[in-house]
C-alpha atoms as a PDB file:
ATOM      1  CA  MET A   1     131.120 178.567  91.879  1.00  0.00           C
ATOM      2  CA  SER A   2     130.448 180.560  89.036  1.00  0.00           C
ATOM      3  CA  VAL A   3     127.117 182.468  88.749  1.00  0.00           C
ATOM      4  CA  ILE A   4     124.996 181.838  85.575  1.00  0.00           C
ATOM      5  CA  SER A   5     121.894 184.061  84.566  1.00  0.00           C
ATOM      6  CA  CYS A   6     119.994 182.585  82.693  1.00  0.00           C
ATOM      7  CA  ILE A   7     117.376 184.875  80.445  1.00  0.00           C
ATOM      8  CA  GLY A   8     114.657 182.756  79.048  1.00  0.00           C
ATOM      9  CA  SER A   9     113.771 179.181  80.523  1.00  0.00           C
ATOM     10  CA  GLY A  10     112.638 177.917  77.438  1.00  0.00           C
ATOM     11  CA  ASN A  11     113.672 173.868  76.080  1.00  0.00           C
ATOM     12  CA  MET A  12     117.288 175.225  74.992  1.00  0.00           C
ATOM     13  CA  GLY A  13     117.899 177.726  77.982  1.00  0.00           C
ATOM     14  CA  PHE A  14     116.747 174.982  80.506  1.00  0.00           C
ATOM     15  CA  ALA A  15     118.571 172.066  78.684  1.00  0.00           C
ATOM     16  CA  LEU A  16     122.079 173.798  79.168  1.00  0.00           C
ATOM     17  CA  MET A  17     121.072 174.829  82.804  1.00  0.00           C
ATOM     18  CA  LYS A  18     120.248 171.327  83.856  1.00  0.00           C
ATOM     19  CA  GLY A  19     123.896 170.095  82.780  1.00  0.00           C
ATOM     20  CA  ALA A  20     125.432 173.557  84.356  1.00  0.00           C
ATOM     21  CA  VAL A  21     123.611 172.958  87.730  1.00  0.00           C
ATOM     22  CA  LYS A  22     126.007 170.514  88.944  1.00  0.00           C
ATOM     23  CA  GLY A  23     129.242 173.467  88.962  1.00  0.00           C
ATOM     24  CA  ALA A  24     127.231 176.779  89.023  1.00  0.00           C
ATOM     25  CA  ASP A  25     124.957 178.590  91.583  1.00  0.00           C
ATOM     26  CA  ILE A  26     122.092 179.291  88.572  1.00  0.00           C
ATOM     27  CA  TYR A  27     119.692 182.291  88.059  1.00  0.00           C
ATOM     28  CA  PHE A  28     116.535 182.135  85.759  1.00  0.00           C
ATOM     29  CA  THR A  29     114.270 185.381  84.243  1.00  0.00           C
ATOM     30  CA  ASP A  30     111.601 184.845  82.014  1.00  0.00           C
ATOM     31  CA  ALA A  31     108.755 187.291  80.789  1.00  0.00           C
ATOM     32  CA  ASP A  32     106.382 184.163  81.738  1.00  0.00           C
ATOM     33  CA  SER A  33     107.322 183.756  85.564  1.00  0.00           C
ATOM     34  CA  GLU A  34     105.498 181.155  86.139  1.00  0.00           C
ATOM     35  CA  LYS A  35     107.654 179.346  83.401  1.00  0.00           C
ATOM     36  CA  ALA A  36     110.725 180.718  85.415  1.00  0.00           C
ATOM     37  CA  LYS A  37     109.671 178.829  88.119  1.00  0.00           C
ATOM     38  CA  THR A  38     108.546 175.347  86.626  1.00  0.00           C
ATOM     39  CA  ALA A  39     112.176 175.503  85.561  1.00  0.00           C
ATOM     40  CA  ALA A  40     114.203 176.533  88.380  1.00  0.00           C
ATOM     41  CA  ALA A  41     112.209 174.622  90.458  1.00  0.00           C
ATOM     42  CA  SER A  42     112.983 171.311  88.846  1.00  0.00           C
ATOM     43  CA  ILE A  43     116.645 171.817  89.076  1.00  0.00           C
ATOM     44  CA  GLY A  44     117.265 173.852  92.148  1.00  0.00           C
ATOM     45  CA  ALA A  45     117.899 176.908  90.469  1.00  0.00           C
ATOM     46  CA  LYS A  46     116.085 180.304  91.432  1.00  0.00           C
ATOM     47  CA  VAL A  47     114.253 183.196  89.713  1.00  0.00           C
ATOM     48  CA  LEU A  48     114.913 186.760  89.578  1.00  0.00           C
ATOM     49  CA  ASN A  49     112.632 189.510  88.974  1.00  0.00           C
ATOM     50  CA  SER A  50     114.242 191.101  86.133  1.00  0.00           C
ATOM     51  CA  ASN A  51     116.797 190.837  83.192  1.00  0.00           C
ATOM     52  CA  THR A  52     118.617 193.546  84.369  1.00  0.00           C
ATOM     53  CA  GLU A  53     119.362 191.881  87.739  1.00  0.00           C
ATOM     54  CA  ALA A  54     120.292 189.049  85.953  1.00  0.00           C
ATOM     55  CA  VAL A  55     122.984 190.829  84.501  1.00  0.00           C
ATOM     56  CA  GLU A  56     124.157 192.550  87.856  1.00  0.00           C
ATOM     57  CA  LYS A  57     124.868 188.985  89.587  1.00  0.00           C
ATOM     58  CA  GLY A  58     125.829 186.515  86.739  1.00  0.00           C
ATOM     59  CA  ASP A  59     129.320 186.066  85.922  1.00  0.00           C
ATOM     60  CA  PHE A  60     127.767 184.903  82.413  1.00  0.00           C
ATOM     61  CA  VAL A  61     124.822 185.852  80.984  1.00  0.00           C
ATOM     62  CA  PHE A  62     122.585 183.116  78.353  1.00  0.00           C
ATOM     63  CA  LEU A  63     120.627 185.110  76.235  1.00  0.00           C
ATOM     64  CA  ALA A  64     118.068 182.143  75.941  1.00  0.00           C
ATOM     65  CA  VAL A  65     115.463 184.194  73.977  1.00  0.00           C
ATOM     66  CA  LYS A  66     114.007 184.127  70.326  1.00  0.00           C
ATOM     67  CA  PRO A  67     116.018 185.941  67.920  1.00  0.00           C
ATOM     68  CA  GLN A  68     113.052 188.394  67.375  1.00  0.00           C
ATOM     69  CA  VAL A  69     113.132 189.655  71.068  1.00  0.00           C
ATOM     70  CA  LEU A  70     116.883 189.758  71.446  1.00  0.00           C
ATOM     71  CA  ALA A  71     116.985 193.575  70.349  1.00  0.00           C
ATOM     72  CA  GLN A  72     114.691 194.888  73.522  1.00  0.00           C
ATOM     73  CA  VAL A  73     116.337 192.288  75.646  1.00  0.00           C
ATOM     74  CA  LEU A  74     119.715 194.014  74.671  1.00  0.00           C
ATOM     75  CA  ALA A  75     118.285 197.667  75.112  1.00  0.00           C
ATOM     76  CA  GLU A  76     116.972 196.974  78.448  1.00  0.00           C
ATOM     77  CA  ILE A  77     119.877 194.985  79.922  1.00  0.00           C
ATOM     78  CA  ALA A  78     122.389 197.570  78.118  1.00  0.00           C
ATOM     79  CA  PRO A  79     122.133 200.672  81.245  1.00  0.00           C
ATOM     80  CA  ALA A  80     123.253 197.555  83.327  1.00  0.00           C
ATOM     81  CA  VAL A  81     125.897 195.987  81.745  1.00  0.00           C
ATOM     82  CA  LYS A  82     127.544 199.507  81.521  1.00  0.00           C
ATOM     83  CA  LYS A  83     127.534 199.792  85.591  1.00  0.00           C
ATOM     84  CA  ARG A  84     129.489 197.371  85.921  1.00  0.00           C
ATOM     85  CA  GLN A  85     133.160 197.252  86.620  1.00  0.00           C
ATOM     86  CA  THR A  86     133.341 193.820  85.353  1.00  0.00           C
ATOM     87  CA  ALA A  87     131.541 192.736  82.210  1.00  0.00           C
ATOM     88  CA  PRO A  88     130.459 189.311  82.382  1.00  0.00           C
ATOM     89  CA  VAL A  89     130.859 186.891  80.021  1.00  0.00           C
ATOM     90  CA  PHE A  90     127.180 186.881  76.988  1.00  0.00           C
ATOM     91  CA  VAL A  91     126.954 183.536  75.922  1.00  0.00           C
ATOM     92  CA  SER A  92     123.710 183.929  72.778  1.00  0.00           C
ATOM     93  CA  MET A  93     122.256 181.035  71.161  1.00  0.00           C
ATOM     94  CA  ALA A  94     119.999 183.608  68.697  1.00  0.00           C
ATOM     95  CA  ALA A  95     120.262 182.261  65.954  1.00  0.00           C
ATOM     96  CA  GLY A  96     121.264 185.084  62.581  1.00  0.00           C
ATOM     97  CA  TRP A  97     122.474 187.691  65.732  1.00  0.00           C
ATOM     98  CA  SER A  98     126.466 187.498  65.236  1.00  0.00           C
ATOM     99  CA  ILE A  99     129.038 188.588  68.250  1.00  0.00           C
ATOM    100  CA  GLU A 100     129.226 192.118  66.689  1.00  0.00           C
ATOM    101  CA  LYS A 101     125.903 192.602  66.708  1.00  0.00           C
ATOM    102  CA  ILE A 102     125.229 191.818  70.213  1.00  0.00           C
ATOM    103  CA  GLN A 103     128.461 193.651  71.133  1.00  0.00           C
ATOM    104  CA  LYS A 104     126.791 196.931  69.479  1.00  0.00           C
ATOM    105  CA  ALA A 105     123.445 196.516  70.490  1.00  0.00           C
ATOM    106  CA  ILE A 106     124.601 196.879  74.253  1.00  0.00           C
ATOM    107  CA  GLY A 107     127.219 199.266  73.384  1.00  0.00           C
ATOM    108  CA  GLU A 108     131.081 199.631  74.727  1.00  0.00           C
ATOM    109  CA  LYS A 109     132.076 200.642  78.658  1.00  0.00           C
ATOM    110  CA  PRO A 110     132.642 204.336  79.340  1.00  0.00           C
ATOM    111  CA  GLN A 111     136.260 203.076  78.880  1.00  0.00           C
ATOM    112  CA  GLY A 112     135.819 201.919  74.999  1.00  0.00           C
ATOM    113  CA  SER A 113     136.201 198.064  75.642  1.00  0.00           C
ATOM    114  CA  LYS A 114     133.942 195.758  73.374  1.00  0.00           C
ATOM    115  CA  LEU A 115     132.231 193.246  75.935  1.00  0.00           C
ATOM    116  CA  PRO A 116     133.098 189.253  75.656  1.00  0.00           C
ATOM    117  CA  VAL A 117     130.062 187.418  74.015  1.00  0.00           C
ATOM    118  CA  VAL A 118     130.340 183.852  73.157  1.00  0.00           C
ATOM    119  CA  ARG A 119     127.500 182.545  70.594  1.00  0.00           C
ATOM    120  CA  ILE A 120     127.146 179.014  70.612  1.00  0.00           C
ATOM    121  CA  MET A 121     124.309 176.655  68.912  1.00  0.00           C
ATOM    122  CA  PRO A 122     123.136 173.654  70.185  1.00  0.00           C
ATOM    123  CA  ASN A 123     120.429 171.377  69.253  1.00  0.00           C
ATOM    124  CA  THR A 124     117.756 169.560  70.610  1.00  0.00           C
ATOM    125  CA  PRO A 125     119.106 166.463  71.559  1.00  0.00           C
ATOM    126  CA  ALA A 126     120.883 168.482  74.511  1.00  0.00           C
ATOM    127  CA  LEU A 127     117.781 168.264  76.235  1.00  0.00           C
ATOM    128  CA  ILE A 128     118.984 164.273  76.781  1.00  0.00           C
ATOM    129  CA  GLY A 129     122.516 165.297  77.304  1.00  0.00           C
ATOM    130  CA  ARG A 130     123.193 164.045  73.608  1.00  0.00           C
ATOM    131  CA  GLY A 131     123.586 167.465  71.621  1.00  0.00           C
ATOM    132  CA  MET A 132     125.746 168.925  69.204  1.00  0.00           C
ATOM    133  CA  ILE A 133     127.049 172.596  70.035  1.00  0.00           C
ATOM    134  CA  ALA A 134     129.284 174.964  68.236  1.00  0.00           C
ATOM    135  CA  LEU A 135     131.142 177.459  70.090  1.00  0.00           C
ATOM    136  CA  SER A 136     132.793 180.806  69.034  1.00  0.00           C
ATOM    137  CA  ALA A 137     134.137 183.429  70.748  1.00  0.00           C
ATOM    138  CA  SER A 138     134.888 187.159  70.601  1.00  0.00           C
ATOM    139  CA  PRO A 139     138.799 188.258  71.322  1.00  0.00           C
ATOM    140  CA  GLU A 140     137.309 189.602  74.687  1.00  0.00           C
ATOM    141  CA  VAL A 141     136.449 186.491  76.278  1.00  0.00           C
ATOM    142  CA  PRO A 142     139.468 185.229  78.642  1.00  0.00           C
ATOM    143  CA  SER A 143     140.621 182.120  77.625  1.00  0.00           C
ATOM    144  CA  GLU A 144     139.598 180.583  81.210  1.00  0.00           C
ATOM    145  CA  LYS A 145     136.200 181.264  80.959  1.00  0.00           C
ATOM    146  CA  ILE A 146     136.051 179.443  77.310  1.00  0.00           C
ATOM    147  CA  ALA A 147     137.533 176.249  79.164  1.00  0.00           C
ATOM    148  CA  GLU A 148     134.563 177.056  82.237  1.00  0.00           C
ATOM    149  CA  LEU A 149     131.961 177.389  79.580  1.00  0.00           C
ATOM    150  CA  GLU A 150     133.472 174.520  77.701  1.00  0.00           C
ATOM    151  CA  LYS A 151     132.844 172.501  81.213  1.00  0.00           C
ATOM    152  CA  ILE A 152     129.543 173.885  81.641  1.00  0.00           C
ATOM    153  CA  LEU A 153     128.221 172.970  78.040  1.00  0.00           C
ATOM    154  CA  GLY A 154     129.937 169.422  77.867  1.00  0.00           C
ATOM    155  CA  CYS A 155     127.313 168.116  80.401  1.00  0.00           C
ATOM    156  CA  ALA A 156     124.628 169.058  77.477  1.00  0.00           C
ATOM    157  CA  GLY A 157     126.649 167.326  74.527  1.00  0.00           C
ATOM    158  CA  ILE A 158     129.658 167.777  72.454  1.00  0.00           C
ATOM    159  CA  VAL A 159     131.564 171.284  72.625  1.00  0.00           C
ATOM    160  CA  ASP A 160     133.561 171.746  69.285  1.00  0.00           C
ATOM    161  CA  ARG A 161     135.188 175.313  68.529  1.00  0.00           C
ATOM    162  CA  ILE A 162     134.149 177.215  65.048  1.00  0.00           C
ATOM    163  CA  GLU A 163     135.034 180.142  63.149  1.00  0.00           C
ATOM    164  CA  GLU A 164     132.013 182.372  63.666  1.00  0.00           C
ATOM    165  CA  ARG A 165     131.673 182.555  59.850  1.00  0.00           C
ATOM    166  CA  PHE A 166     130.471 179.263  60.289  1.00  0.00           C
ATOM    167  CA  MET A 167     127.673 179.277  62.296  1.00  0.00           C
ATOM    168  CA  ASP A 168     124.724 179.586  59.750  1.00  0.00           C
ATOM    169  CA  ALA A 169     126.269 176.500  58.294  1.00  0.00           C
ATOM    170  CA  VAL A 170     125.852 175.015  61.865  1.00  0.00           C
ATOM    171  CA  THR A 171     122.471 176.089  61.982  1.00  0.00           C
ATOM    172  CA  GLY A 172     121.732 174.509  58.802  1.00  0.00           C
ATOM    173  CA  LEU A 173     122.949 171.645  59.524  1.00  0.00           C
ATOM    174  CA  SER A 174     123.038 170.140  63.246  1.00  0.00           C
ATOM    175  CA  GLY A 175     120.596 173.304  64.528  1.00  0.00           C
ATOM    176  CA  SER A 176     117.725 172.088  61.959  1.00  0.00           C
ATOM    177  CA  GLY A 177     118.887 168.667  61.040  1.00  0.00           C
ATOM    178  CA  PRO A 178     117.258 166.775  64.573  1.00  0.00           C
ATOM    179  CA  ALA A 179     113.926 167.685  62.516  1.00  0.00           C
ATOM    180  CA  PHE A 180     115.266 166.331  59.117  1.00  0.00           C
ATOM    181  CA  VAL A 181     116.038 163.029  61.311  1.00  0.00           C
ATOM    182  CA  TYR A 182     112.723 163.208  62.788  1.00  0.00           C
ATOM    183  CA  LEU A 183     111.200 162.712  59.536  1.00  0.00           C
ATOM    184  CA  PHE A 184     113.496 159.990  58.380  1.00  0.00           C
ATOM    185  CA  ILE A 185     112.587 157.863  61.674  1.00  0.00           C
ATOM    186  CA  GLU A 186     109.030 158.670  60.995  1.00  0.00           C
ATOM    187  CA  ALA A 187     109.100 157.383  57.056  1.00  0.00           C
ATOM    188  CA  LEU A 188     111.188 154.555  58.392  1.00  0.00           C
ATOM    189  CA  ALA A 189     108.446 153.536  60.987  1.00  0.00           C
ATOM    190  CA  ASP A 190     105.557 154.383  58.625  1.00  0.00           C
ATOM    191  CA  GLY A 191     107.609 151.802  55.938  1.00  0.00           C
ATOM    192  CA  GLY A 192     107.746 148.944  58.373  1.00  0.00           C
ATOM    193  CA  VAL A 193     104.109 149.342  58.963  1.00  0.00           C
ATOM    194  CA  ARG A 194     102.897 149.308  55.822  1.00  0.00           C
ATOM    195  CA  ALA A 195     105.279 145.843  55.857  1.00  0.00           C
ATOM    196  CA  GLY A 196     103.041 144.875  58.505  1.00  0.00           C
ATOM    197  CA  LEU A 197     104.910 145.591  61.933  1.00  0.00           C
ATOM    198  CA  SER A 198     102.475 147.177  64.363  1.00  0.00           C
ATOM    199  CA  ALA A 199     102.836 151.246  64.476  1.00  0.00           C
ATOM    200  CA  ASP A 200     104.688 151.173  68.204  1.00  0.00           C
ATOM    201  CA  LYS A 201     107.254 147.921  66.917  1.00  0.00           C
ATOM    202  CA  ALA A 202     108.027 150.222  63.769  1.00  0.00           C
ATOM    203  CA  LEU A 203     109.010 153.345  65.751  1.00  0.00           C
ATOM    204  CA  ARG A 204     111.206 151.017  68.305  1.00  0.00           C
ATOM    205  CA  TYR A 205     113.051 149.293  65.382  1.00  0.00           C
ATOM    206  CA  ALA A 206     113.282 152.605  63.253  1.00  0.00           C
ATOM    207  CA  ALA A 207     114.791 154.527  66.131  1.00  0.00           C
ATOM    208  CA  GLN A 208     116.987 151.732  66.960  1.00  0.00           C
ATOM    209  CA  THR A 209     118.323 151.618  63.468  1.00  0.00           C
ATOM    210  CA  VAL A 210     119.128 155.272  63.161  1.00  0.00           C
ATOM    211  CA  THR A 211     120.604 155.184  66.554  1.00  0.00           C
ATOM    212  CA  GLY A 212     123.085 152.635  65.608  1.00  0.00           C
ATOM    213  CA  ALA A 213     124.029 153.902  62.538  1.00  0.00           C
ATOM    214  CA  ALA A 214     125.290 157.227  64.114  1.00  0.00           C
ATOM    215  CA  ALA A 215     126.954 155.270  66.311  1.00  0.00           C
ATOM    216  CA  MET A 216     128.988 153.248  63.911  1.00  0.00           C
ATOM    217  CA  VAL A 217     129.694 156.368  62.295  1.00  0.00           C
ATOM    218  CA  GLN A 218     131.078 157.924  65.671  1.00  0.00           C
ATOM    219  CA  GLU A 219     132.589 154.516  66.650  1.00  0.00           C
ATOM    220  CA  THR A 220     134.291 153.337  63.860  1.00  0.00           C
ATOM    221  CA  GLU A 221     135.346 156.680  62.413  1.00  0.00           C
ATOM    222  CA  LYS A 222     134.885 154.864  58.712  1.00  0.00           C
ATOM    223  CA  HIS A 223     132.802 156.758  56.003  1.00  0.00           C
ATOM    224  CA  PRO A 224     129.629 156.244  55.829  1.00  0.00           C
ATOM    225  CA  SER A 225     129.855 154.847  52.294  1.00  0.00           C
ATOM    226  CA  GLU A 226     132.042 152.187  53.233  1.00  0.00           C
ATOM    227  CA  LEU A 227     129.497 151.060  56.214  1.00  0.00           C
ATOM    228  CA  LYS A 228     126.645 151.553  53.460  1.00  0.00           C
ATOM    229  CA  ASN A 229     128.864 148.915  51.182  1.00  0.00           C
ATOM    230  CA  MET A 230     129.173 146.490  54.900  1.00  0.00           C
ATOM    231  CA  VAL A 231     124.939 146.505  54.160  1.00  0.00           C
ATOM    232  CA  THR A 232     124.581 146.137  50.519  1.00  0.00           C
ATOM    233  CA  SER A 233     124.980 142.810  48.752  1.00  0.00           C
ATOM    234  CA  PRO A 234     124.865 142.015  45.228  1.00  0.00           C
ATOM    235  CA  GLY A 235     121.069 141.681  44.272  1.00  0.00           C
ATOM    236  CA  GLY A 236     120.225 141.973  47.902  1.00  0.00           C
ATOM    237  CA  THR A 237     117.336 143.726  49.556  1.00  0.00           C
ATOM    238  CA  THR A 238     119.046 146.931  50.841  1.00  0.00           C
ATOM    239  CA  ILE A 239     120.393 147.578  47.046  1.00  0.00           C
ATOM    240  CA  ALA A 240     116.895 147.567  46.023  1.00  0.00           C
ATOM    241  CA  GLY A 241     115.751 149.940  48.704  1.00  0.00           C
ATOM    242  CA  LEU A 242     118.944 152.127  48.071  1.00  0.00           C
ATOM    243  CA  THR A 243     118.004 151.686  44.505  1.00  0.00           C
ATOM    244  CA  VAL A 244     114.631 154.053  45.102  1.00  0.00           C
ATOM    245  CA  LEU A 245     115.983 156.714  46.817  1.00  0.00           C
ATOM    246  CA  GLU A 246     118.884 157.743  44.600  1.00  0.00           C
ATOM    247  CA  ASP A 247     115.494 157.136  41.620  1.00  0.00           C
ATOM    248  CA  ARG A 248     114.065 159.860  44.284  1.00  0.00           C
ATOM    249  CA  ALA A 249     116.731 162.395  44.847  1.00  0.00           C
ATOM    250  CA  PHE A 250     117.017 161.269  48.268  1.00  0.00           C
ATOM    251  CA  ARG A 251     120.359 162.324  48.589  1.00  0.00           C
ATOM    252  CA  ASP A 252     120.310 165.788  46.674  1.00  0.00           C
ATOM    253  CA  THR A 253     117.110 166.378  48.355  1.00  0.00           C
ATOM    254  CA  VAL A 254     118.679 166.300  51.921  1.00  0.00           C
ATOM    255  CA  ILE A 255     121.435 168.258  51.083  1.00  0.00           C
ATOM    256  CA  LYS A 256     118.961 171.385  49.565  1.00  0.00           C
ATOM    257  CA  ALA A 257     117.205 170.740  53.006  1.00  0.00           C
ATOM    258  CA  VAL A 258     120.670 171.454  54.555  1.00  0.00           C
ATOM    259  CA  GLU A 259     121.291 174.294  51.941  1.00  0.00           C
ATOM    260  CA  ALA A 260     117.653 175.627  52.735  1.00  0.00           C
ATOM    261  CA  ALA A 261     118.090 176.183  56.321  1.00  0.00           C
ATOM    262  CA  TRP A 262     121.588 177.959  56.163  1.00  0.00           C
ATOM    263  CA  LYS A 263     120.606 180.587  53.462  1.00  0.00           C
ATOM    264  CA  ARG A 264     117.323 181.320  56.220  1.00  0.00           C
ATOM    265  CA  SER A 265     119.835 181.711  58.823  1.00  0.00           C
ATOM    266  CA  GLU A 266     121.533 184.515  56.459  1.00  0.00           C
ATOM    267  CA  GLU A 267     118.588 185.779  55.587  1.00  0.00           C
ATOM    268  CA  LEU A 268     117.799 185.654  59.723  1.00  0.00           C
ATOM    269  CA  GLY A 269     121.239 187.326  60.264  1.00  0.00           C
ATOM    270  CA  ASN A 270     120.881 190.096  57.823  1.00  0.00           C
ATOM    271  CA  LYS A 271     117.529 191.185  58.851  1.00  0.00           C
ATOM    272  CA  ASN A 272     118.993 191.495  62.403  1.00  0.00           C
END
């Protein structure tokens, strides 16, 4: 059984550990010890006293902290990493932190070898096991460790390997994307309220409509434009609504929202 140390017990770190707990021994550390205790108790994990101890114990060390505090964490754990004969596999979800920057921040082993680092970008639906998780690994990570990590992460959603150069694009699309979808669901529900439905009824219909439409894309493997045309009758209600969306540049606005999030991810990476 693998030992997983998770530095940080926030929503995303907790979501991934919640799925991993069936096949691993889980430890949490956090600057907020009470938060770590609460997270650990809810899934039968344990709490460690320090990030250094997390590195000493873990086969996998998840870096589940905010990008702006990662440098401090890496500097803190670097001495413990260098003392280990076999380095743990580091798994980072910090936006803007490249594999190379993490390796440089910790430093090389005494024999000059680089550390095994995996960079992932999950999204918040991982909290309910429906996430989208992009994964990119450094050459130093053994193939069997990547396979094991994919199995661990698979409990939180779909895992997809990508080249690291696309990670900022993924951050803009699936990392930030849930917020864009929530805004759309909220707007759909508000439209239902304007049309006379109660607020709770409108939200229920809106959420299920989005869930069902997404499932249609995945399960039929038809292009969204083809599925859209299946709903759109000549002179009907759907084309009337679509015309308003096109007039208001809905499609272009969504594209620009993803683009803005992507560029911001790149900016964060340059700052780091």
